[in-house]
Amino acid sequence: MRDEDLGLSIDQPLSIREQVYKRVSELILSGRLAPMERIVENKLAKQLGVSRTPVREALHVLEMEGFLDAIPRIGYQVKEIHWEEVDEICEIRKVNESLAVRWAIEKITPEELKALEDNLDAAARDLKKGVTSRISEQDADFHELLVRASGSKRLEEICQILRRHMFLYRVESMARPETALNAIEGHRKIVNAFKARDVKSAEQAINDHLEYVKDDIRQYVNRKSL
């Protein structure tokens, strides 16, 4: 864990454990805590100004969710996601998000459809200006909106966990304009299928999009290993 000030003040009314969990999650997902970086309980507790107990509990939850690895007698380290895991997660996402599409396509509201279009427009405007810093977040928001339209809270929770496991790779890979453009085009095909209420086209669009995501991350992983 770096000694720099990470801006991690703790406020109420969330429980201390929940706040620690939230802060460390944000650091991992933003890349400020990089894969393989170590986290020491007592150092983190001191930085946060809390006791070690809620820190230990929060880190254990993050370990159970697959974001941290426990290191005996040392503490934790941010988990390094390997290509095999990415491949597996993408394939599971295809199944889950295809299901979300089937459930959502007949019940999506005009407001939900507009939210998807607004997301697309905002991402396209940013890309046109050469701004890619928000693309990965917009990408995650698009998929969250899509799954939420299915009306299944359980499916939404499952899909969110899977997306979070891949988020670090997407943050860096989507900084490339070509990757961002392909993501936006993939999302547009999904929205167009929803407008047409075409289930088969929507499922194909989500599968094609996630296949591209998988291929893009594979290229990213290969570049990182060079």
Protein backbone atom coordinates (compact mmCIF):
# COMPACT_ATOMS: atom_id res chain seq x y z
CA MET A 1 0.00 0.00 0.00
CA ARG A 2 1.47 3.38 -0.97
CA ASP A 3 2.08 5.94 1.74
CA GLU A 4 0.60 8.81 -0.27
CA ASP A 5 -2.60 10.49 0.87
CA LEU A 6 -5.43 8.63 -0.85
CA GLY A 7 -8.19 10.95 0.36
CA LEU A 8 -9.98 8.25 2.32
CA SER A 9 -11.87 10.10 5.04
CA ILE A 10 -14.66 8.06 6.65
CA ASP A 11 -18.12 9.56 7.14
CA GLN A 12 -21.37 8.30 8.64
CA PRO A 13 -24.11 6.97 8.35
CA LEU A 14 -22.78 3.85 6.57
CA SER A 15 -21.15 1.32 8.87
CA ILE A 16 -17.38 1.62 9.12
CA ARG A 17 -16.97 -1.76 7.41
CA GLU A 18 -19.18 -0.68 4.51
CA GLN A 19 -17.27 2.56 4.12
CA VAL A 20 -13.91 0.78 4.13
CA TYR A 21 -15.26 -1.69 1.55
CA LYS A 22 -16.51 1.16 -0.62
CA ARG A 23 -13.23 3.10 -0.47
CA VAL A 24 -10.99 0.11 -1.22
CA SER A 25 -13.31 -1.03 -4.04
CA GLU A 26 -13.05 2.41 -5.62
CA LEU A 27 -9.25 2.31 -5.40
CA ILE A 28 -9.09 -1.11 -7.05
CA LEU A 29 -11.57 -0.29 -9.80
CA SER A 30 -9.92 3.06 -10.55
CA GLY A 31 -6.50 1.42 -10.84
CA ARG A 32 -5.00 3.42 -7.96
CA LEU A 33 -4.43 0.06 -6.31
CA ALA A 34 -2.87 -1.94 -9.11
CA PRO A 35 -2.91 -5.73 -9.63
CA MET A 36 -0.40 -7.48 -7.32
CA GLU A 37 -0.17 -4.43 -5.04
CA ARG A 38 -0.11 -5.38 -1.36
CA ILE A 39 -2.57 -4.12 1.24
CA VAL A 40 -1.56 -4.33 4.90
CA GLU A 41 -4.40 -4.20 7.42
CA ASN A 42 -2.77 -2.04 10.08
CA LYS A 43 -1.40 0.45 7.55
CA LEU A 44 -4.78 0.77 5.84
CA ALA A 45 -6.54 1.14 9.20
CA LYS A 46 -4.14 3.93 10.14
CA GLN A 47 -4.70 5.72 6.83
CA LEU A 48 -8.46 5.50 7.27
CA GLY A 49 -8.38 6.42 10.95
CA VAL A 50 -10.34 3.34 12.02
CA SER A 51 -9.66 0.14 13.96
CA ARG A 52 -8.36 -2.99 12.25
CA THR A 53 -11.59 -4.98 12.76
CA PRO A 54 -13.76 -3.26 10.10
CA VAL A 55 -10.75 -3.19 7.77
CA ARG A 56 -10.24 -6.93 8.21
CA GLU A 57 -13.94 -7.58 7.59
CA ALA A 58 -14.03 -5.41 4.45
CA LEU A 59 -10.90 -6.97 3.00
CA HIS A 60 -12.30 -10.43 3.63
CA VAL A 61 -15.45 -9.53 1.67
CA LEU A 62 -13.30 -8.24 -1.21
CA GLU A 63 -11.34 -11.50 -1.11
CA MET A 64 -14.58 -13.52 -1.28
CA GLU A 65 -15.68 -11.42 -4.26
CA GLY A 66 -12.44 -12.21 -6.06
CA PHE A 67 -10.76 -8.80 -5.95
CA LEU A 68 -8.06 -9.66 -3.42
CA ASP A 69 -5.80 -12.62 -2.68
CA ALA A 70 -4.91 -13.41 0.93
CA ILE A 71 -1.19 -13.81 1.62
CA PRO A 72 -0.45 -15.80 4.81
CA ARG A 73 1.27 -13.75 7.54
CA ILE A 74 1.45 -10.71 5.25
CA GLY A 75 -2.06 -9.51 4.38
CA TYR A 76 -3.70 -9.12 0.99
CA GLN A 77 -2.79 -8.17 -2.52
CA VAL A 78 -4.91 -6.98 -5.40
CA LYS A 79 -5.73 -9.96 -7.55
CA GLU A 80 -4.17 -10.24 -10.97
CA ILE A 81 -6.78 -11.36 -13.50
CA HIS A 82 -5.39 -13.85 -16.00
CA TRP A 83 -6.57 -14.34 -19.57
CA GLU A 84 -8.24 -17.66 -18.75
CA GLU A 85 -10.44 -15.88 -16.19
CA VAL A 86 -11.30 -13.09 -18.63
CA ASP A 87 -12.29 -15.64 -21.26
CA GLU A 88 -14.51 -17.44 -18.75
CA ILE A 89 -16.12 -14.25 -17.47
CA CYS A 90 -16.90 -13.03 -21.00
CA GLU A 91 -18.58 -16.31 -21.87
CA ILE A 92 -20.67 -16.18 -18.69
CA ARG A 93 -21.57 -12.56 -19.44
CA LYS A 94 -22.82 -13.60 -22.87
CA VAL A 95 -25.26 -16.04 -21.29
CA ASN A 96 -26.42 -13.65 -18.56
CA GLU A 97 -26.74 -10.55 -20.71
CA SER A 98 -28.48 -12.48 -23.49
CA LEU A 99 -31.01 -13.51 -20.86
CA ALA A 100 -31.31 -9.88 -19.76
CA VAL A 101 -31.98 -8.87 -23.36
CA ARG A 102 -34.75 -11.46 -23.74
CA TRP A 103 -36.42 -10.32 -20.54
CA ALA A 104 -35.96 -6.61 -21.24
CA ILE A 105 -36.90 -6.29 -24.87
CA GLU A 106 -40.66 -6.48 -24.32
CA LYS A 107 -40.77 -4.52 -21.08
CA ILE A 108 -38.19 -1.76 -21.54
CA THR A 109 -39.81 1.63 -20.90
CA PRO A 110 -39.41 4.70 -23.11
CA GLU A 111 -37.45 6.30 -20.26
CA GLU A 112 -35.06 3.34 -20.06
CA LEU A 113 -34.56 3.33 -23.81
CA LYS A 114 -33.87 7.07 -23.75
CA ALA A 115 -31.31 6.52 -20.97
CA LEU A 116 -29.47 4.04 -23.21
CA GLU A 117 -29.53 6.52 -26.11
CA ASP A 118 -28.36 9.36 -23.87
CA ASN A 119 -25.48 7.18 -22.72
CA LEU A 120 -24.53 6.50 -26.35
CA ASP A 121 -24.74 10.19 -27.29
CA ALA A 122 -22.59 11.26 -24.33
CA ALA A 123 -19.91 8.65 -25.14
CA ALA A 124 -19.92 9.64 -28.83
CA ARG A 125 -19.54 13.34 -27.95
CA ASP A 126 -16.63 12.62 -25.64
CA LEU A 127 -14.90 10.47 -28.24
CA LYS A 128 -15.38 13.16 -30.90
CA LYS A 129 -13.63 15.62 -28.55
CA GLY A 130 -10.81 13.12 -27.99
CA VAL A 131 -11.86 12.52 -24.39
CA THR A 132 -11.63 8.82 -23.48
CA SER A 133 -11.28 9.10 -19.69
CA ARG A 134 -15.02 8.50 -19.11
CA ILE A 135 -15.60 5.86 -21.80
CA SER A 136 -15.02 2.85 -19.56
CA GLU A 137 -17.46 4.22 -16.98
CA GLN A 138 -20.01 4.99 -19.69
CA ASP A 139 -19.58 1.45 -21.01
CA ALA A 140 -20.27 0.01 -17.56
CA ASP A 141 -23.29 2.30 -17.15
CA PHE A 142 -24.71 1.17 -20.51
CA HIS A 143 -24.60 -2.48 -19.51
CA GLU A 144 -26.03 -1.69 -16.08
CA LEU A 145 -28.97 0.16 -17.67
CA LEU A 146 -29.52 -2.73 -20.09
CA VAL A 147 -29.59 -5.41 -17.40
CA ARG A 148 -31.73 -3.27 -15.08
CA ALA A 149 -34.37 -3.09 -17.82
CA SER A 150 -34.78 -6.86 -17.46
CA GLY A 151 -36.53 -6.24 -14.15
CA SER A 152 -34.45 -8.87 -12.32
CA LYS A 153 -32.54 -7.62 -9.30
CA ARG A 154 -30.74 -10.96 -8.93
CA LEU A 155 -29.55 -10.93 -12.54
CA GLU A 156 -28.48 -7.30 -12.11
CA GLU A 157 -26.36 -8.22 -9.07
CA ILE A 158 -24.70 -11.16 -10.84
CA CYS A 159 -23.91 -9.14 -13.96
CA GLN A 160 -22.52 -6.27 -11.91
CA ILE A 161 -20.05 -8.54 -10.11
CA LEU A 162 -18.84 -10.01 -13.42
CA ARG A 163 -18.36 -6.54 -14.95
CA ARG A 164 -16.39 -5.36 -11.94
CA HIS A 165 -13.95 -8.24 -12.32
CA MET A 166 -13.11 -7.00 -15.82
CA PHE A 167 -13.22 -3.28 -15.13
CA LEU A 168 -9.49 -2.73 -14.60
CA TYR A 169 -8.68 -4.15 -18.02
CA ARG A 170 -11.41 -2.11 -19.66
CA VAL A 171 -10.24 1.14 -18.03
CA GLU A 172 -6.87 0.92 -19.75
CA SER A 173 -7.90 -0.77 -23.00
CA MET A 174 -10.75 1.67 -23.65
CA ALA A 175 -8.38 4.62 -23.48
CA ARG A 176 -7.61 3.67 -27.09
CA PRO A 177 -9.95 5.59 -29.45
CA GLU A 178 -10.37 2.55 -31.72
CA THR A 179 -11.55 0.41 -28.82
CA ALA A 180 -13.89 3.13 -27.57
CA LEU A 181 -15.38 3.58 -31.06
CA ASN A 182 -16.02 -0.15 -31.47
CA ALA A 183 -17.68 -0.28 -28.04
CA ILE A 184 -19.99 2.60 -28.94
CA GLU A 185 -20.88 1.00 -32.29
CA GLY A 186 -21.62 -2.28 -30.52
CA HIS A 187 -23.91 -0.49 -28.07
CA ARG A 188 -25.68 1.30 -30.93
CA LYS A 189 -26.52 -2.03 -32.60
CA ILE A 190 -28.02 -3.23 -29.33
CA VAL A 191 -30.14 -0.09 -28.98
CA ASN A 192 -31.33 -0.34 -32.59
CA ALA A 193 -32.42 -3.93 -31.99
CA PHE A 194 -34.33 -2.82 -28.90
CA LYS A 195 -36.08 -0.09 -30.90
CA ALA A 196 -37.15 -2.72 -33.43
CA ARG A 197 -38.16 -5.12 -30.62
CA ASP A 198 -36.03 -7.72 -32.42
CA VAL A 199 -34.96 -10.29 -29.83
CA LYS A 200 -32.69 -12.30 -32.15
CA SER A 201 -30.86 -9.21 -33.40
CA ALA A 202 -30.46 -7.91 -29.83
CA GLU A 203 -29.01 -11.23 -28.63
CA GLN A 204 -26.67 -11.36 -31.60
CA ALA A 205 -25.60 -7.76 -30.99
CA ILE A 206 -24.82 -8.37 -27.30
CA ASN A 207 -22.89 -11.55 -28.13
CA ASP A 208 -20.91 -9.87 -30.92
CA HIS A 209 -20.14 -6.94 -28.63
CA LEU A 210 -18.90 -9.13 -25.77
CA GLU A 211 -16.85 -11.24 -28.21
CA TYR A 212 -15.16 -8.04 -29.33
CA VAL A 213 -14.60 -7.07 -25.68
CA LYS A 214 -12.96 -10.44 -25.06
CA ASP A 215 -10.71 -10.11 -28.11
CA ASP A 216 -9.74 -6.58 -27.16
CA ILE A 217 -8.80 -7.61 -23.61
CA ARG A 218 -6.79 -10.55 -24.98
CA GLN A 219 -4.77 -8.14 -27.09
CA TYR A 220 -4.36 -5.86 -24.07
CA VAL A 221 -3.12 -8.74 -21.89
CA ASN A 222 -0.68 -9.80 -24.61
CA ARG A 223 0.70 -6.26 -24.88
CA LYS A 224 1.11 -6.07 -21.10
CA SER A 225 3.08 -9.33 -21.07
CA LEU A 226 5.63 -8.14 -23.64
